C-alpha atoms as a PDB file:
ATOM      1  CA  UNK A   1       0.000   0.000   0.000  1.00  0.00           C
ATOM      2  CA  UNK A   2       1.393   3.379  -0.994  1.00  0.00           C
ATOM      3  CA  UNK A   3       0.788   6.598   0.911  1.00  0.00           C
ATOM      4  CA  UNK A   4       0.357   9.791  -1.070  1.00  0.00           C
ATOM      5  CA  UNK A   5       0.797  13.257   0.406  1.00  0.00           C
ATOM      6  CA  UNK A   6      -1.183  14.783  -2.423  1.00  0.00           C
ATOM      7  CA  UNK A   7      -2.912  13.727  -5.577  1.00  0.00           C
ATOM      8  CA  UNK A   8      -2.109  15.411  -8.847  1.00  0.00           C
ATOM      9  CA  UNK A   9      -4.998  16.227 -11.092  1.00  0.00           C
ATOM     10  CA  UNK A  10      -4.871  17.690 -14.548  1.00  0.00           C
ATOM     11  CA  UNK A  11      -6.275  21.176 -14.902  1.00  0.00           C
ATOM     12  CA  UNK A  12      -7.211  22.827 -18.186  1.00  0.00           C
ATOM     13  CA  UNK A  13      -4.945  25.685 -19.195  1.00  0.00           C
ATOM     14  CA  UNK A  14      -5.994  28.712 -21.175  1.00  0.00           C
ATOM     15  CA  UNK A  15      -3.536  30.150 -23.674  1.00  0.00           C
ATOM     16  CA  UNK A  16      -1.789  33.282 -22.436  1.00  0.00           C
ATOM     17  CA  UNK A  17      -3.335  36.471 -23.748  1.00  0.00           C
ATOM     18  CA  UNK A  18      -0.503  39.015 -23.805  1.00  0.00           C
ATOM     19  CA  UNK A  19      -2.927  41.883 -24.359  1.00  0.00           C
ATOM     20  CA  UNK A  20      -4.679  41.135 -21.052  1.00  0.00           C
ATOM     21  CA  UNK A  21      -1.345  40.924 -19.268  1.00  0.00           C
ATOM     22  CA  UNK A  22      -0.183  44.261 -20.667  1.00  0.00           C
ATOM     23  CA  UNK A  23      -3.229  46.275 -19.564  1.00  0.00           C
ATOM     24  CA  UNK A  24      -3.887  46.861 -15.862  1.00  0.00           C
ATOM     25  CA  UNK A  25      -7.444  47.557 -14.772  1.00  0.00           C
ATOM     26  CA  UNK A  26      -6.688  47.982 -11.078  1.00  0.00           C
ATOM     27  CA  UNK A  27      -3.928  49.510  -9.002  1.00  0.00           C
ATOM     28  CA  UNK A  28      -1.443  46.997  -7.664  1.00  0.00           C
ATOM     29  CA  UNK A  29      -1.570  46.233  -3.955  1.00  0.00           C
ATOM     30  CA  UNK A  30       0.902  47.975  -1.708  1.00  0.00           C
ATOM     31  CA  UNK A  31       3.988  45.945  -0.933  1.00  0.00           C
ATOM     32  CA  UNK A  32       4.233  44.538   2.570  1.00  0.00           C
ATOM     33  CA  UNK A  33       7.418  46.220   3.800  1.00  0.00           C
ATOM     34  CA  UNK A  34       8.810  45.136   7.178  1.00  0.00           C
ATOM     35  CA  UNK A  35       9.063  47.831   9.810  1.00  0.00           C
ATOM     36  CA  UNK A  36      12.558  49.134  10.424  1.00  0.00           C
ATOM     37  CA  UNK A  37      12.027  49.093  14.166  1.00  0.00           C
ATOM     38  CA  UNK A  38      12.109  45.315  14.069  1.00  0.00           C
ATOM     39  CA  UNK A  39      15.685  45.310  12.834  1.00  0.00           C
ATOM     40  CA  UNK A  40      17.234  48.147  14.865  1.00  0.00           C
ATOM     41  CA  UNK A  41      19.308  46.894  17.757  1.00  0.00           C
ATOM     42  CA  UNK A  42      19.713  49.066  20.815  1.00  0.00           C
ATOM     43  CA  UNK A  43      23.412  48.811  21.525  1.00  0.00           C
ATOM     44  CA  UNK A  44      24.604  49.130  25.106  1.00  0.00           C
ATOM     45  CA  UNK A  45      28.353  48.801  25.500  1.00  0.00           C
ATOM     46  CA  UNK A  46      29.600  46.589  28.292  1.00  0.00           C
ATOM     47  CA  UNK A  47      31.158  49.256  30.493  1.00  0.00           C
ATOM     48  CA  UNK A  48      32.663  46.824  33.031  1.00  0.00           C
ATOM     49  CA  UNK A  49      34.384  44.727  30.381  1.00  0.00           C
ATOM     50  CA  UNK A  50      35.594  47.854  28.575  1.00  0.00           C
ATOM     51  CA  UNK A  51      37.052  49.306  31.786  1.00  0.00           C
ATOM     52  CA  UNK A  52      38.818  46.022  32.645  1.00  0.00           C
ATOM     53  CA  UNK A  53      40.272  45.856  29.129  1.00  0.00           C
ATOM     54  CA  UNK A  54      41.535  49.457  29.409  1.00  0.00           C
ATOM     55  CA  UNK A  55      43.169  48.703  32.787  1.00  0.00           C
ATOM     56  CA  UNK A  56      44.876  45.607  31.358  1.00  0.00           C
ATOM     57  CA  UNK A  57      46.030  47.617  28.329  1.00  0.00           C
ATOM     58  CA  UNK A  58      47.404  50.384  30.573  1.00  0.00           C
ATOM     59  CA  UNK A  59      49.302  47.857  32.713  1.00  0.00           C
ATOM     60  CA  UNK A  60      50.717  46.220  29.571  1.00  0.00           C
ATOM     61  CA  UNK A  61      51.730  49.576  28.086  1.00  0.00           C
ATOM     62  CA  UNK A  62      53.465  50.690  31.306  1.00  0.00           C
ATOM     63  CA  UNK A  63      55.217  47.312  31.712  1.00  0.00           C
ATOM     64  CA  UNK A  64      56.404  47.392  28.093  1.00  0.00           C
ATOM     65  CA  UNK A  65      57.705  50.968  28.517  1.00  0.00           C
ATOM     66  CA  UNK A  66      59.515  50.137  31.787  1.00  0.00           C
ATOM     67  CA  UNK A  67      61.129  46.926  30.471  1.00  0.00           C
ATOM     68  CA  UNK A  68      62.654  48.639  27.434  1.00  0.00           C
END
């Protein structure tokens, strides 16, 4: 026994009428544009980590200057 997720059925096709495609009777729908607020990230710097890194850099700079 075979299981089918869907069954294909033939549908009649009309020939393409290029004249109908070229003439618009109605205005097109507005495009669904995502809001920019969804993509903006509020950046908060990590002040503690930044301060620790600056202290380590200062110690390294002073040690390098004194050892030369």
